[in-house]
Structure formats: structure tokens, C-alpha cells
Amino acid sequence: MQTILIATDKPFAKVAVEGIREIVEKAGFQLKLLEKYTEKQQLLDAVKDVEAVIVRSDIIDEQVLNAAAKLKIAVRAGAGYDNIDLKAASAKAVVVMNTPGQNANAVAELAFGMMIYINRNFYNGSSGVELRGKTLGIHAYGNIGRIVGTIAKGIGMDVYAHDPNVDKAAIESNGIKYVADVKELYKKCQYISVNLPANKDTKESLNFDLLSLMPAGATLVNTARKELVHEPSLLKMFAERKDFRYVTDVAPDCQEQIKAEAPTRYYATPKKMGAQTEEANVNAGLAAARQIVNFLTKGDKTFQVN
């Protein structure tokens, strides 16, 4: 009997694990569980005899893949998959998938939660500012970006989007204003929601030249990856633009310096939590289980990323 492993340092909700188990066992497979592990060796031992693995933010690197002699597929329950070594997986003929869209609503809601939190001065009782009537730019109009746009319109923001991979008509059909040039997006918008994947083209692409184009009252909202932001540029923005604010659920390495120098213009969640809702937890876990079953039984590679 083939075995599917759930390996999660940050476990799925109990209801998600129960749902995954039902999908896996109904298809004739066995489920193995590794939760809240504290040492990498525990993961190395757990993957030795499994054909499939579901992870969240857990690192699947070359060492893990070498230990997993029977592994056929690894699924990241979420959108980003930079925690899995794609090159090493391909070399071992292991299919890697993500579960796009399953966490999108949770991430989008968090973006607005952080914007409101900093706009209301961390709820300290003093007078803040509203989002209604402000300009919002969506940098990457994928699953998350579309929901960000819907929420922003409902609030009453003036919404723009830039994404060279999405047709202009598709963006405008949702009532969002299309911007062809990313620099124009940053020039127009007081708030920028960053939804980019982290890759060789996007890492450190959010630099001073781009960020400094933002108008007065500039607020950068990053629910994607910390590597997208060029940190020396981030520090320069805080030093030279006293109106600049940054909210994120992926704290930069220079966080302590920012906290010391601009404590009222910066907020980061204690850990990455864009997908940390019960609904997203369940959606991504069940999607991962279904994708593995479809791959093992039908050879379906719909969501393969390597």
C-alpha cells in the first residue's frame, strides 16, 4: 500500500487532517502523520518509506529528497513553493505541486487587517485615517490580487493593477484600472499590495528607485515573500521618506533597526500568517490530498511547478 505523509512543523487544523485522511484512505492509500517536529532528522526518518508528502512551510531540500527513496510527489499546501528545491526534485523525478488559490482569501483579508491596524495607529485610541477614497495598487493580479481588488472596491478605494501575465481586458472586466508600466503603478498609488512570487526576476525588485516613486502617504503591504524587498532600499525609504510605512507578515532581516528608527510606521506579524485561518487551512490541505490521489491514480499533473 502506498503511503502519503503529512509533514508539518505548523500542523493543519484537526478538521483538515481528518478530511485529508478520509480522501487518502477512501482512495486506498495509507496516511502517515509527522506534526510539530523539532529536528530535521525526524523529517528525514519520516520520508524514507513514503510515496507522497504534503507540507506547509516545511523545507524539502536535496537532503530530504535523497532520504526519500520512494517519493513520487511533494505538494506544498499553499501558493508559494520556494521551500521546495525544484531542481533537486526534478533530478530525482519527483513531481512538485502547489495548491493555488486555496489560501487567497485569507491572505487578502490579512492585507486589509494590517492596513487598517496601522491606519488606526495600532488601536492606541488616537485619531487615524480611513482607506475609503485612497488609491490602491495591486502588484500581481493573481488569485490573491483579484480578491484584494474586490475588497478594496467594496471599501471604496480607487483600485489599479499591474500584471504583464494577465490580459488587460480581464483586469478591467473586474472594474480595476489596468496599468501597463509598474513604475506608473507606484507613482499613482498610496497603497501597494505586493502579491508577487519569489524568483530570480522578482527577488529584491522592490528597490528604492521603485518605492520612492510612491506619492505622499505611501504604504507598502507585503503578504508575499521578504526576499522581494531590497532591504538597504527599505531602510533608505524609512530614513528619507518620513511618510513611508511598511506592513508585512514576512519580517525583513533589518526589522530591529526599523523598529528602533520608525516604530509608528512599521508593523510585522510575529510569524508568517497569511494562510493562518481555519478555512484556508482546510482548503489547502484537502486540495493537496486530492491532487496527490489524482496523480497517483490517474497521472494528473495539472498543478506541477517543476
C-alpha atoms as a PDB file:
ATOM      1  CA  MET A   1       0.000   0.000   0.000  1.00  0.00           C
ATOM      2  CA  GLN A   2       1.325   3.419  -0.957  1.00  0.00           C
ATOM      3  CA  THR A   3       1.791   5.921   1.870  1.00  0.00           C
ATOM      4  CA  ILE A   4       1.129   9.663   1.943  1.00  0.00           C
ATOM      5  CA  LEU A   5       2.913  11.676   4.629  1.00  0.00           C
ATOM      6  CA  ILE A   6       1.723  14.930   6.172  1.00  0.00           C
ATOM      7  CA  ALA A   7       4.884  16.631   7.460  1.00  0.00           C
ATOM      8  CA  THR A   8       4.000  19.892   9.183  1.00  0.00           C
ATOM      9  CA  ASP A   9       6.019  21.822  11.705  1.00  0.00           C
ATOM     10  CA  LYS A  10       2.932  24.100  11.934  1.00  0.00           C
ATOM     11  CA  PRO A  11       0.143  21.479  11.892  1.00  0.00           C
ATOM     12  CA  PHE A  12      -3.062  21.602   9.917  1.00  0.00           C
ATOM     13  CA  ALA A  13      -6.268  22.089  11.869  1.00  0.00           C
ATOM     14  CA  LYS A  14      -7.696  18.827  13.210  1.00  0.00           C
ATOM     15  CA  VAL A  15     -10.643  19.035  10.822  1.00  0.00           C
ATOM     16  CA  ALA A  16      -8.216  19.387   7.892  1.00  0.00           C
ATOM     17  CA  VAL A  17      -6.249  16.292   8.937  1.00  0.00           C
ATOM     18  CA  GLU A  18      -9.494  14.334   9.269  1.00  0.00           C
ATOM     19  CA  GLY A  19     -10.553  15.454   5.795  1.00  0.00           C
ATOM     20  CA  ILE A  20      -7.191  14.549   4.295  1.00  0.00           C
ATOM     21  CA  ARG A  21      -7.334  11.136   5.944  1.00  0.00           C
ATOM     22  CA  GLU A  22     -10.794  10.493   4.510  1.00  0.00           C
ATOM     23  CA  ILE A  23      -9.660  11.390   0.976  1.00  0.00           C
ATOM     24  CA  VAL A  24      -6.466   9.333   1.232  1.00  0.00           C
ATOM     25  CA  GLU A  25      -7.967   6.200   2.777  1.00  0.00           C
ATOM     26  CA  LYS A  26     -11.022   6.235   0.508  1.00  0.00           C
ATOM     27  CA  ALA A  27      -8.603   6.101  -2.439  1.00  0.00           C
ATOM     28  CA  GLY A  28      -6.864   3.071  -0.940  1.00  0.00           C
ATOM     29  CA  PHE A  29      -3.756   4.760   0.422  1.00  0.00           C
ATOM     30  CA  GLN A  30      -2.268   4.942   3.895  1.00  0.00           C
ATOM     31  CA  LEU A  31      -1.768   8.208   5.796  1.00  0.00           C
ATOM     32  CA  LYS A  32       1.261   8.938   7.952  1.00  0.00           C
ATOM     33  CA  LEU A  33       1.490  11.973  10.223  1.00  0.00           C
ATOM     34  CA  LEU A  34       4.504  13.995  11.411  1.00  0.00           C
ATOM     35  CA  GLU A  35       3.480  17.130  13.313  1.00  0.00           C
ATOM     36  CA  LYS A  36       5.338  19.722  15.392  1.00  0.00           C
ATOM     37  CA  TYR A  37       8.676  18.034  14.787  1.00  0.00           C
ATOM     38  CA  THR A  38      11.673  19.776  16.333  1.00  0.00           C
ATOM     39  CA  GLU A  39      14.622  18.277  14.446  1.00  0.00           C
ATOM     40  CA  LYS A  40      15.294  17.758  10.752  1.00  0.00           C
ATOM     41  CA  GLN A  41      16.266  14.146  11.420  1.00  0.00           C
ATOM     42  CA  GLN A  42      12.655  13.435  12.310  1.00  0.00           C
ATOM     43  CA  LEU A  43      11.617  14.565   8.838  1.00  0.00           C
ATOM     44  CA  LEU A  44      14.448  12.581   7.213  1.00  0.00           C
ATOM     45  CA  ASP A  45      13.294   9.448   9.016  1.00  0.00           C
ATOM     46  CA  ALA A  46       9.625  10.032   8.179  1.00  0.00           C
ATOM     47  CA  VAL A  47      10.117  10.390   4.401  1.00  0.00           C
ATOM     48  CA  LYS A  48      12.112   7.192   3.945  1.00  0.00           C
ATOM     49  CA  ASP A  49       9.183   4.945   3.102  1.00  0.00           C
ATOM     50  CA  VAL A  50       6.544   7.236   1.579  1.00  0.00           C
ATOM     51  CA  GLU A  51       5.421   7.821  -1.994  1.00  0.00           C
ATOM     52  CA  ALA A  52       3.961  11.277  -1.374  1.00  0.00           C
ATOM     53  CA  VAL A  53       4.320  14.155   1.065  1.00  0.00           C
ATOM     54  CA  ILE A  54       2.181  17.177   1.935  1.00  0.00           C
ATOM     55  CA  VAL A  55       3.972  20.128   3.552  1.00  0.00           C
ATOM     56  CA  ARG A  56       3.210  23.711   4.504  1.00  0.00           C
ATOM     57  CA  SER A  57       6.272  25.917   5.070  1.00  0.00           C
ATOM     58  CA  ASP A  58       8.460  22.899   5.764  1.00  0.00           C
ATOM     59  CA  ILE A  59      11.764  22.726   3.888  1.00  0.00           C
ATOM     60  CA  ILE A  60      12.101  19.956   1.323  1.00  0.00           C
ATOM     61  CA  ASP A  61      15.720  20.284   0.215  1.00  0.00           C
ATOM     62  CA  GLU A  62      18.166  17.955  -1.500  1.00  0.00           C
ATOM     63  CA  GLN A  63      18.963  16.137   1.749  1.00  0.00           C
ATOM     64  CA  VAL A  64      15.291  15.376   2.370  1.00  0.00           C
ATOM     65  CA  LEU A  65      14.762  14.276  -1.229  1.00  0.00           C
ATOM     66  CA  ASN A  66      17.797  11.977  -1.067  1.00  0.00           C
ATOM     67  CA  ALA A  67      16.363  10.380   2.065  1.00  0.00           C
ATOM     68  CA  ALA A  68      13.000   9.816   0.364  1.00  0.00           C
ATOM     69  CA  ALA A  69      13.922   6.906  -1.886  1.00  0.00           C
ATOM     70  CA  LYS A  70      10.308   6.062  -2.835  1.00  0.00           C
ATOM     71  CA  LEU A  71       8.977   9.608  -3.158  1.00  0.00           C
ATOM     72  CA  LYS A  72       6.992  10.375  -6.318  1.00  0.00           C
ATOM     73  CA  ILE A  73       5.249  13.659  -5.453  1.00  0.00           C
ATOM     74  CA  ALA A  74       5.541  16.534  -2.980  1.00  0.00           C
ATOM     75  CA  VAL A  75       2.725  19.045  -2.599  1.00  0.00           C
ATOM     76  CA  ARG A  76       3.032  22.410  -0.892  1.00  0.00           C
ATOM     77  CA  ALA A  77      -0.325  23.227   0.669  1.00  0.00           C
ATOM     78  CA  GLY A  78      -0.326  26.864  -0.366  1.00  0.00           C
ATOM     79  CA  ALA A  79       0.618  29.107  -3.260  1.00  0.00           C
ATOM     80  CA  GLY A  80       4.335  29.723  -2.736  1.00  0.00           C
ATOM     81  CA  TYR A  81       6.693  26.780  -3.154  1.00  0.00           C
ATOM     82  CA  ASP A  82      10.172  28.246  -2.659  1.00  0.00           C
ATOM     83  CA  ASN A  83      10.575  25.977   0.385  1.00  0.00           C
ATOM     84  CA  ILE A  84      10.952  23.028  -2.011  1.00  0.00           C
ATOM     85  CA  ASP A  85      14.152  22.551  -4.033  1.00  0.00           C
ATOM     86  CA  LEU A  86      12.679  22.194  -7.520  1.00  0.00           C
ATOM     87  CA  LYS A  87      15.985  21.416  -9.204  1.00  0.00           C
ATOM     88  CA  ALA A  88      16.775  18.605  -6.782  1.00  0.00           C
ATOM     89  CA  ALA A  89      13.213  17.288  -7.053  1.00  0.00           C
ATOM     90  CA  SER A  90      13.392  17.191 -10.846  1.00  0.00           C
ATOM     91  CA  ALA A  91      16.735  15.382 -10.665  1.00  0.00           C
ATOM     92  CA  LYS A  92      15.061  12.718  -8.528  1.00  0.00           C
ATOM     93  CA  ALA A  93      11.994  12.613 -10.842  1.00  0.00           C
ATOM     94  CA  VAL A  94       9.777  13.885  -8.037  1.00  0.00           C
ATOM     95  CA  VAL A  95       6.766  15.922  -9.138  1.00  0.00           C
ATOM     96  CA  VAL A  96       6.225  19.122  -7.137  1.00  0.00           C
ATOM     97  CA  MET A  97       2.840  20.854  -6.947  1.00  0.00           C
ATOM     98  CA  ASN A  98       1.278  23.761  -5.087  1.00  0.00           C
ATOM     99  CA  THR A  99      -2.394  24.463  -4.346  1.00  0.00           C
ATOM    100  CA  PRO A 100      -3.008  27.850  -5.980  1.00  0.00           C
ATOM    101  CA  GLY A 101      -5.931  29.914  -4.800  1.00  0.00           C
ATOM    102  CA  GLN A 102      -6.761  27.891  -1.694  1.00  0.00           C
ATOM    103  CA  ASN A 103      -5.238  30.456   0.703  1.00  0.00           C
ATOM    104  CA  ALA A 104      -6.041  33.531  -1.382  1.00  0.00           C
ATOM    105  CA  ASN A 105      -8.947  34.924   0.611  1.00  0.00           C
ATOM    106  CA  ALA A 106      -7.124  34.540   3.920  1.00  0.00           C
ATOM    107  CA  VAL A 107      -4.077  36.394   2.590  1.00  0.00           C
ATOM    108  CA  ALA A 108      -6.175  39.177   1.073  1.00  0.00           C
ATOM    109  CA  GLU A 109      -8.104  39.716   4.296  1.00  0.00           C
ATOM    110  CA  LEU A 110      -4.857  39.902   6.274  1.00  0.00           C
ATOM    111  CA  ALA A 111      -3.565  42.637   3.944  1.00  0.00           C
ATOM    112  CA  PHE A 112      -6.533  44.819   4.835  1.00  0.00           C
ATOM    113  CA  GLY A 113      -6.323  43.917   8.507  1.00  0.00           C
ATOM    114  CA  MET A 114      -2.750  45.208   8.605  1.00  0.00           C
ATOM    115  CA  MET A 115      -3.618  48.349   6.625  1.00  0.00           C
ATOM    116  CA  ILE A 116      -6.433  49.209   8.997  1.00  0.00           C
ATOM    117  CA  TYR A 117      -4.282  48.408  12.036  1.00  0.00           C
ATOM    118  CA  ILE A 118      -1.525  50.840  11.064  1.00  0.00           C
ATOM    119  CA  ASN A 119      -4.032  53.450   9.822  1.00  0.00           C
ATOM    120  CA  ARG A 120      -5.669  53.427  13.268  1.00  0.00           C
ATOM    121  CA  ASN A 121      -2.290  53.849  14.993  1.00  0.00           C
ATOM    122  CA  PHE A 122      -2.220  50.293  16.344  1.00  0.00           C
ATOM    123  CA  TYR A 123      -5.582  50.925  18.065  1.00  0.00           C
ATOM    124  CA  ASN A 124      -3.999  53.249  20.628  1.00  0.00           C
ATOM    125  CA  GLY A 125      -7.077  55.460  20.811  1.00  0.00           C
ATOM    126  CA  SER A 126      -5.724  58.373  18.772  1.00  0.00           C
ATOM    127  CA  SER A 127      -7.253  59.673  15.538  1.00  0.00           C
ATOM    128  CA  GLY A 128      -6.312  57.684  12.446  1.00  0.00           C
ATOM    129  CA  VAL A 129      -7.146  57.703   8.735  1.00  0.00           C
ATOM    130  CA  GLU A 130      -9.545  55.731   6.541  1.00  0.00           C
ATOM    131  CA  LEU A 131      -8.932  53.604   3.464  1.00  0.00           C
ATOM    132  CA  ARG A 132     -12.011  54.863   1.643  1.00  0.00           C
ATOM    133  CA  GLY A 133     -11.091  57.249  -1.179  1.00  0.00           C
ATOM    134  CA  LYS A 134      -7.418  56.263  -1.167  1.00  0.00           C
ATOM    135  CA  THR A 135      -5.564  54.732  -4.133  1.00  0.00           C
ATOM    136  CA  LEU A 136      -4.522  51.085  -4.033  1.00  0.00           C
ATOM    137  CA  GLY A 137      -2.151  49.407  -6.484  1.00  0.00           C
ATOM    138  CA  ILE A 138      -2.172  45.639  -6.877  1.00  0.00           C
ATOM    139  CA  HIS A 139       1.278  44.390  -7.905  1.00  0.00           C
ATOM    140  CA  ALA A 140       0.478  40.984  -9.473  1.00  0.00           C
ATOM    141  CA  TYR A 141      -3.161  40.252 -10.231  1.00  0.00           C
ATOM    142  CA  GLY A 142      -3.400  36.541  -9.488  1.00  0.00           C
ATOM    143  CA  ASN A 143      -5.721  34.703  -7.107  1.00  0.00           C
ATOM    144  CA  ILE A 144      -4.828  36.941  -4.164  1.00  0.00           C
ATOM    145  CA  GLY A 145      -4.704  40.127  -6.229  1.00  0.00           C
ATOM    146  CA  ARG A 146      -8.222  39.599  -7.559  1.00  0.00           C
ATOM    147  CA  ILE A 147      -9.650  39.249  -4.046  1.00  0.00           C
ATOM    148  CA  VAL A 148      -7.654  42.252  -2.843  1.00  0.00           C
ATOM    149  CA  GLY A 149      -9.276  44.227  -5.656  1.00  0.00           C
ATOM    150  CA  THR A 150     -12.772  43.068  -4.741  1.00  0.00           C
ATOM    151  CA  ILE A 151     -12.343  44.015  -1.086  1.00  0.00           C
ATOM    152  CA  ALA A 152     -10.752  47.373  -1.948  1.00  0.00           C
ATOM    153  CA  LYS A 153     -13.631  48.288  -4.243  1.00  0.00           C
ATOM    154  CA  GLY A 154     -16.098  47.372  -1.520  1.00  0.00           C
ATOM    155  CA  ILE A 155     -14.303  49.673   0.899  1.00  0.00           C
ATOM    156  CA  GLY A 156     -14.402  52.467  -1.659  1.00  0.00           C
ATOM    157  CA  MET A 157     -10.773  52.661  -2.741  1.00  0.00           C
ATOM    158  CA  ASP A 158      -9.605  53.693  -6.202  1.00  0.00           C
ATOM    159  CA  VAL A 159      -8.003  50.473  -7.465  1.00  0.00           C
ATOM    160  CA  TYR A 160      -5.247  49.900 -10.047  1.00  0.00           C
ATOM    161  CA  ALA A 161      -3.387  46.732 -11.047  1.00  0.00           C
ATOM    162  CA  HIS A 162      -0.222  45.758 -12.896  1.00  0.00           C
ATOM    163  CA  ASP A 163       0.490  42.248 -14.125  1.00  0.00           C
ATOM    164  CA  PRO A 164       2.144  41.563 -17.504  1.00  0.00           C
ATOM    165  CA  ASN A 165       0.854  37.995 -17.359  1.00  0.00           C
ATOM    166  CA  VAL A 166      -2.823  38.956 -17.101  1.00  0.00           C
ATOM    167  CA  ASP A 167      -4.803  40.352 -20.015  1.00  0.00           C
ATOM    168  CA  LYS A 168      -5.835  44.000 -19.705  1.00  0.00           C
ATOM    169  CA  ALA A 169      -9.449  43.157 -20.533  1.00  0.00           C
ATOM    170  CA  ALA A 170      -9.586  40.558 -17.747  1.00  0.00           C
ATOM    171  CA  ILE A 171      -8.452  43.129 -15.182  1.00  0.00           C
ATOM    172  CA  GLU A 172     -10.761  45.861 -16.436  1.00  0.00           C
ATOM    173  CA  SER A 173     -13.743  43.489 -16.542  1.00  0.00           C
ATOM    174  CA  ASN A 174     -13.493  43.394 -12.737  1.00  0.00           C
ATOM    175  CA  GLY A 175     -13.692  47.169 -12.514  1.00  0.00           C
ATOM    176  CA  ILE A 176      -9.964  47.559 -11.845  1.00  0.00           C
ATOM    177  CA  LYS A 177      -7.875  50.116 -13.732  1.00  0.00           C
ATOM    178  CA  TYR A 178      -5.087  48.481 -15.724  1.00  0.00           C
ATOM    179  CA  VAL A 179      -1.563  49.933 -15.551  1.00  0.00           C
ATOM    180  CA  ALA A 180       0.923  48.659 -18.140  1.00  0.00           C
ATOM    181  CA  ASP A 181       4.078  50.106 -16.537  1.00  0.00           C
ATOM    182  CA  VAL A 182       4.949  49.045 -12.990  1.00  0.00           C
ATOM    183  CA  LYS A 183       6.573  52.435 -12.327  1.00  0.00           C
ATOM    184  CA  GLU A 184       3.284  54.140 -13.148  1.00  0.00           C
ATOM    185  CA  LEU A 185       1.520  51.873 -10.647  1.00  0.00           C
ATOM    186  CA  TYR A 186       3.839  53.023  -7.874  1.00  0.00           C
ATOM    187  CA  LYS A 187       3.541  56.667  -8.928  1.00  0.00           C
ATOM    188  CA  LYS A 188      -0.260  56.554  -8.788  1.00  0.00           C
ATOM    189  CA  CYS A 189      -0.904  54.617  -5.612  1.00  0.00           C
ATOM    190  CA  GLN A 190      -0.695  55.479  -1.928  1.00  0.00           C
ATOM    191  CA  TYR A 191      -1.035  51.816  -1.014  1.00  0.00           C
ATOM    192  CA  ILE A 192       0.646  48.940  -2.853  1.00  0.00           C
ATOM    193  CA  SER A 193      -0.335  45.318  -2.223  1.00  0.00           C
ATOM    194  CA  VAL A 194       2.523  43.036  -3.263  1.00  0.00           C
ATOM    195  CA  ASN A 195       1.449  39.558  -4.382  1.00  0.00           C
ATOM    196  CA  LEU A 196       4.482  38.502  -6.436  1.00  0.00           C
ATOM    197  CA  PRO A 197       6.124  35.066  -6.347  1.00  0.00           C
ATOM    198  CA  ALA A 198       9.777  34.979  -5.289  1.00  0.00           C
ATOM    199  CA  ASN A 199      12.037  34.057  -8.205  1.00  0.00           C
ATOM    200  CA  LYS A 200      15.217  35.263  -9.911  1.00  0.00           C
ATOM    201  CA  ASP A 201      13.319  38.054 -11.662  1.00  0.00           C
ATOM    202  CA  THR A 202      11.423  39.355  -8.641  1.00  0.00           C
ATOM    203  CA  LYS A 203      13.839  38.974  -5.723  1.00  0.00           C
ATOM    204  CA  GLU A 204      14.937  42.429  -4.470  1.00  0.00           C
ATOM    205  CA  SER A 205      12.982  44.038  -7.306  1.00  0.00           C
ATOM    206  CA  LEU A 206      11.225  46.356  -4.854  1.00  0.00           C
ATOM    207  CA  ASN A 207      14.084  48.809  -4.540  1.00  0.00           C
ATOM    208  CA  PHE A 208      14.469  52.492  -3.701  1.00  0.00           C
ATOM    209  CA  ASP A 209      14.092  53.620  -7.318  1.00  0.00           C
ATOM    210  CA  LEU A 210      10.657  51.989  -7.440  1.00  0.00           C
ATOM    211  CA  LEU A 211       9.430  52.634  -3.898  1.00  0.00           C
ATOM    212  CA  SER A 212      10.459  56.297  -3.939  1.00  0.00           C
ATOM    213  CA  LEU A 213       8.001  56.915  -6.792  1.00  0.00           C
ATOM    214  CA  MET A 214       5.059  56.428  -4.419  1.00  0.00           C
ATOM    215  CA  PRO A 215       3.063  59.574  -3.537  1.00  0.00           C
ATOM    216  CA  ALA A 216       2.697  61.123  -0.088  1.00  0.00           C
ATOM    217  CA  GLY A 217       1.255  58.730   2.469  1.00  0.00           C
ATOM    218  CA  ALA A 218       2.989  55.738   0.886  1.00  0.00           C
ATOM    219  CA  THR A 219       2.236  52.336   2.443  1.00  0.00           C
ATOM    220  CA  LEU A 220       3.749  49.100   1.148  1.00  0.00           C
ATOM    221  CA  VAL A 221       1.833  45.931   2.031  1.00  0.00           C
ATOM    222  CA  ASN A 222       3.762  42.687   1.610  1.00  0.00           C
ATOM    223  CA  THR A 223       1.979  39.382   2.198  1.00  0.00           C
ATOM    224  CA  ALA A 224       4.226  37.534  -0.258  1.00  0.00           C
ATOM    225  CA  ARG A 225       7.943  37.000   0.466  1.00  0.00           C
ATOM    226  CA  LYS A 226      10.531  39.113   2.280  1.00  0.00           C
ATOM    227  CA  GLU A 227      13.084  38.471  -0.483  1.00  0.00           C
ATOM    228  CA  LEU A 228      11.091  40.667  -2.865  1.00  0.00           C
ATOM    229  CA  VAL A 229      12.183  43.793  -0.981  1.00  0.00           C
ATOM    230  CA  HIS A 230      15.743  45.128  -1.275  1.00  0.00           C
ATOM    231  CA  GLU A 231      16.428  45.759   2.397  1.00  0.00           C
ATOM    232  CA  PRO A 232      19.009  48.570   2.055  1.00  0.00           C
ATOM    233  CA  SER A 233      16.387  50.363  -0.049  1.00  0.00           C
ATOM    234  CA  LEU A 234      13.779  49.727   2.621  1.00  0.00           C
ATOM    235  CA  LEU A 235      15.988  51.342   5.259  1.00  0.00           C
ATOM    236  CA  LYS A 236      16.679  54.266   2.926  1.00  0.00           C
ATOM    237  CA  MET A 237      12.953  54.775   2.385  1.00  0.00           C
ATOM    238  CA  PHE A 238      12.320  54.957   6.124  1.00  0.00           C
ATOM    239  CA  ALA A 239      15.199  57.404   6.539  1.00  0.00           C
ATOM    240  CA  GLU A 240      14.375  59.709   3.617  1.00  0.00           C
ATOM    241  CA  ARG A 241      10.572  59.446   3.423  1.00  0.00           C
ATOM    242  CA  LYS A 242       9.057  60.244   6.816  1.00  0.00           C
ATOM    243  CA  ASP A 243       5.626  59.431   5.381  1.00  0.00           C
ATOM    244  CA  PHE A 244       6.584  55.899   4.284  1.00  0.00           C
ATOM    245  CA  ARG A 245       5.065  52.909   6.070  1.00  0.00           C
ATOM    246  CA  TYR A 246       5.551  49.164   5.677  1.00  0.00           C
ATOM    247  CA  VAL A 247       3.254  46.355   6.863  1.00  0.00           C
ATOM    248  CA  THR A 248       4.036  42.698   6.292  1.00  0.00           C
ATOM    249  CA  ASP A 249       3.654  39.152   7.552  1.00  0.00           C
ATOM    250  CA  VAL A 250       7.213  38.348   6.460  1.00  0.00           C
ATOM    251  CA  ALA A 251       9.527  40.398   8.666  1.00  0.00           C
ATOM    252  CA  PRO A 252      12.729  41.661   6.986  1.00  0.00           C
ATOM    253  CA  ASP A 253      16.142  40.816   8.425  1.00  0.00           C
ATOM    254  CA  CYS A 254      16.587  44.505   9.281  1.00  0.00           C
ATOM    255  CA  GLN A 255      13.416  44.555  11.367  1.00  0.00           C
ATOM    256  CA  GLU A 256      15.051  45.583  14.650  1.00  0.00           C
ATOM    257  CA  GLN A 257      16.636  48.654  13.051  1.00  0.00           C
ATOM    258  CA  ILE A 258      13.296  49.697  11.559  1.00  0.00           C
ATOM    259  CA  LYS A 259      11.528  49.208  14.893  1.00  0.00           C
ATOM    260  CA  ALA A 260      14.113  51.403  16.600  1.00  0.00           C
ATOM    261  CA  GLU A 261      14.034  54.165  13.996  1.00  0.00           C
ATOM    262  CA  ALA A 262      10.405  54.151  12.804  1.00  0.00           C
ATOM    263  CA  PRO A 263       8.241  52.275  15.315  1.00  0.00           C
ATOM    264  CA  THR A 264       4.993  54.013  14.315  1.00  0.00           C
ATOM    265  CA  ARG A 265       5.476  53.411  10.596  1.00  0.00           C
ATOM    266  CA  TYR A 266       6.107  49.675  10.607  1.00  0.00           C
ATOM    267  CA  TYR A 267       4.208  46.533  11.543  1.00  0.00           C
ATOM    268  CA  ALA A 268       5.024  42.861  11.038  1.00  0.00           C
ATOM    269  CA  THR A 269       3.066  39.894  12.347  1.00  0.00           C
ATOM    270  CA  PRO A 270       5.015  37.664  14.781  1.00  0.00           C
ATOM    271  CA  LYS A 271       5.232  34.953  12.115  1.00  0.00           C
ATOM    272  CA  LYS A 272       4.021  34.424   8.561  1.00  0.00           C
ATOM    273  CA  MET A 273       0.279  34.069   8.933  1.00  0.00           C
ATOM    274  CA  GLY A 274      -1.376  34.985   5.648  1.00  0.00           C
ATOM    275  CA  ALA A 275      -2.777  31.484   5.316  1.00  0.00           C
ATOM    276  CA  GLN A 276      -3.452  31.006   9.016  1.00  0.00           C
ATOM    277  CA  THR A 277      -7.220  30.710   9.002  1.00  0.00           C
ATOM    278  CA  GLU A 278      -9.258  27.593   9.619  1.00  0.00           C
ATOM    279  CA  GLU A 279     -10.844  27.885   6.186  1.00  0.00           C
ATOM    280  CA  ALA A 280      -7.547  28.271   4.305  1.00  0.00           C
ATOM    281  CA  ASN A 281      -6.010  25.509   6.376  1.00  0.00           C
ATOM    282  CA  VAL A 282      -8.758  23.109   5.370  1.00  0.00           C
ATOM    283  CA  ASN A 283      -8.974  24.245   1.737  1.00  0.00           C
ATOM    284  CA  ALA A 284      -5.239  23.870   1.059  1.00  0.00           C
ATOM    285  CA  GLY A 285      -4.919  20.556   2.885  1.00  0.00           C
ATOM    286  CA  LEU A 286      -7.840  18.917   1.118  1.00  0.00           C
ATOM    287  CA  ALA A 287      -6.703  20.264  -2.260  1.00  0.00           C
ATOM    288  CA  ALA A 288      -3.223  18.805  -1.667  1.00  0.00           C
ATOM    289  CA  ALA A 289      -4.695  15.402  -0.801  1.00  0.00           C
ATOM    290  CA  ARG A 290      -6.918  15.378  -3.893  1.00  0.00           C
ATOM    291  CA  GLN A 291      -4.029  16.360  -6.144  1.00  0.00           C
ATOM    292  CA  ILE A 292      -1.858  13.557  -4.793  1.00  0.00           C
ATOM    293  CA  VAL A 293      -4.629  10.976  -5.213  1.00  0.00           C
ATOM    294  CA  ASN A 294      -5.284  12.165  -8.776  1.00  0.00           C
ATOM    295  CA  PHE A 295      -1.583  11.979  -9.581  1.00  0.00           C
ATOM    296  CA  LEU A 296      -1.038   8.522  -8.096  1.00  0.00           C
ATOM    297  CA  THR A 297      -4.215   7.055  -9.619  1.00  0.00           C
ATOM    298  CA  LYS A 298      -4.518   8.945 -12.923  1.00  0.00           C
ATOM    299  CA  GLY A 299      -1.126  10.558 -13.545  1.00  0.00           C
ATOM    300  CA  ASP A 300      -2.743  14.014 -13.319  1.00  0.00           C
ATOM    301  CA  LYS A 301      -0.006  16.699 -13.216  1.00  0.00           C
ATOM    302  CA  THR A 302      -2.269  19.747 -13.502  1.00  0.00           C
ATOM    303  CA  PHE A 303      -0.584  21.781 -10.760  1.00  0.00           C
ATOM    304  CA  GLN A 304       3.015  20.686 -11.351  1.00  0.00           C
ATOM    305  CA  VAL A 305       5.524  23.529 -10.864  1.00  0.00           C
ATOM    306  CA  ASN A 306       8.821  21.802 -11.729  1.00  0.00           C
END
